[in-house]
């Protein structure tokens, strides 16, 4: 197997792993430490995949049969790496109340009314 083929396989595999971790961040975020570790793993994997994609393109490799697909995918992977660490402080950015915060708010109201 040539080096370019190895780089292609490795970069696609890393992108897939990063995608799976991205989808499972809700499970990883059950604890603060798990969320931070998951976000940093996603960031690291995406950066490594980007480097591999840029190297593969420089060596004349093709991604999914297209010579021009590696660079945009590398840039997208860098954007994903940056986006993966945006919510490190655990702030709610969706604005949707979750059932636990509603229950806590009701309990506080009941305590204040007594």
Protein backbone atom coordinates (compact mmCIF):
# COMPACT_ATOMS: atom_id res chain seq x y z
CA UNK A 1 0.00 0.00 0.00
CA UNK A 2 1.39 3.42 -0.91
CA UNK A 3 1.86 6.19 1.62
CA UNK A 4 -0.84 8.31 -0.03
CA UNK A 5 -3.36 5.47 0.35
CA UNK A 6 -2.43 5.08 4.02
CA UNK A 7 -2.87 8.83 4.57
CA UNK A 8 -6.27 8.74 2.86
CA UNK A 9 -7.48 5.83 4.97
CA UNK A 10 -6.12 7.30 8.18
CA UNK A 11 -7.58 10.76 7.58
CA UNK A 12 -11.03 9.37 6.73
CA UNK A 13 -10.92 7.15 9.82
CA UNK A 14 -9.95 10.07 12.07
CA UNK A 15 -12.74 12.22 10.61
CA UNK A 16 -15.21 9.41 11.29
CA UNK A 17 -14.02 9.02 14.88
CA UNK A 18 -14.31 12.78 15.40
CA UNK A 19 -17.84 12.69 13.99
CA UNK A 20 -18.86 9.89 16.34
CA UNK A 21 -17.38 11.74 19.31
CA UNK A 22 -19.15 14.93 18.19
CA UNK A 23 -22.49 13.10 18.15
CA UNK A 24 -21.87 11.56 21.56
CA UNK A 25 -20.78 14.76 23.32
CA UNK A 26 -24.08 14.77 25.22
CA UNK A 27 -23.12 11.51 26.87
CA UNK A 28 -19.57 12.69 27.50
CA UNK A 29 -20.88 15.93 29.03
CA UNK A 30 -22.53 14.22 31.97
CA UNK A 31 -19.52 15.30 33.98
CA UNK A 32 -17.52 18.48 33.57
CA UNK A 33 -14.25 16.57 33.20
CA UNK A 34 -15.74 14.23 30.60
CA UNK A 35 -17.00 17.15 28.56
CA UNK A 36 -13.62 18.86 28.55
CA UNK A 37 -11.77 15.64 27.69
CA UNK A 38 -14.24 14.86 24.91
CA UNK A 39 -13.95 18.33 23.43
CA UNK A 40 -10.17 18.23 23.53
CA UNK A 41 -10.12 14.76 21.96
CA UNK A 42 -12.34 15.99 19.13
CA UNK A 43 -10.13 19.03 18.64
CA UNK A 44 -6.93 16.97 18.58
CA UNK A 45 -8.32 14.37 16.20
CA UNK A 46 -9.62 17.06 13.84
CA UNK A 47 -6.28 18.89 13.78
CA UNK A 48 -4.39 15.67 13.06
CA UNK A 49 -6.87 14.78 10.32
CA UNK A 50 -6.45 18.25 8.79
CA UNK A 51 -2.69 17.92 8.76
CA UNK A 52 -2.96 14.49 7.11
CA UNK A 53 -5.39 15.84 4.51
CA UNK A 54 -3.10 18.77 3.64
CA UNK A 55 -0.10 16.42 3.39
CA UNK A 56 -2.08 13.99 1.26
CA UNK A 57 -3.11 16.79 -1.08
CA UNK A 58 0.49 17.99 -1.29
CA UNK A 59 1.63 14.49 -2.24
CA UNK A 60 -0.88 14.37 -5.08
CA UNK A 61 -3.42 12.14 -3.38
CA UNK A 62 -7.14 12.10 -4.06
CA UNK A 63 -9.94 11.93 -1.55
CA UNK A 64 -12.91 9.87 -2.76
CA UNK A 65 -11.56 10.04 -6.29
CA UNK A 66 -11.30 13.85 -6.35
CA UNK A 67 -7.97 15.65 -6.27
CA UNK A 68 -9.65 18.86 -5.05
CA UNK A 69 -11.64 17.41 -2.12
CA UNK A 70 -8.82 17.10 0.43
CA UNK A 71 -8.17 20.82 1.03
CA UNK A 72 -11.81 21.85 1.68
CA UNK A 73 -12.24 18.84 3.98
CA UNK A 74 -9.06 19.84 5.84
CA UNK A 75 -10.39 23.37 6.33
CA UNK A 76 -13.77 22.00 7.44
CA UNK A 77 -11.98 19.77 9.93
CA UNK A 78 -10.16 22.80 11.36
CA UNK A 79 -13.47 24.64 11.71
CA UNK A 80 -14.92 21.61 13.50
CA UNK A 81 -11.88 21.59 15.81
CA UNK A 82 -12.47 25.23 16.70
CA UNK A 83 -16.19 24.69 17.20
CA UNK A 84 -15.63 21.70 19.45
CA UNK A 85 -14.12 23.81 22.23
CA UNK A 86 -16.52 26.76 22.13
CA UNK A 87 -18.65 25.68 25.11
CA UNK A 88 -15.94 24.96 27.67
CA UNK A 89 -17.65 26.89 30.46
CA UNK A 90 -20.75 24.70 30.35
CA UNK A 91 -23.11 27.57 29.56
CA UNK A 92 -26.51 26.76 28.10
CA UNK A 93 -26.44 28.16 24.57
CA UNK A 94 -29.63 26.63 23.20
CA UNK A 95 -31.91 28.53 25.52
CA UNK A 96 -34.17 25.53 26.12
CA UNK A 97 -34.98 24.77 29.74
CA UNK A 98 -34.21 21.25 30.76
CA UNK A 99 -36.45 19.28 33.16
CA UNK A 100 -33.90 19.40 35.98
CA UNK A 101 -33.65 23.19 35.99
CA UNK A 102 -37.46 23.49 35.88
CA UNK A 103 -37.76 21.15 38.87
CA UNK A 104 -35.10 23.11 40.80
CA UNK A 105 -36.83 26.42 40.03
CA UNK A 106 -40.19 25.07 41.23
CA UNK A 107 -38.61 23.74 44.41
CA UNK A 108 -37.02 27.14 45.09
CA UNK A 109 -40.39 28.86 44.55
CA UNK A 110 -42.08 26.48 46.96
CA UNK A 111 -39.40 27.13 49.58
CA UNK A 112 -39.71 30.90 49.15
CA UNK A 113 -43.52 30.77 49.44
CA UNK A 114 -43.38 28.99 52.81
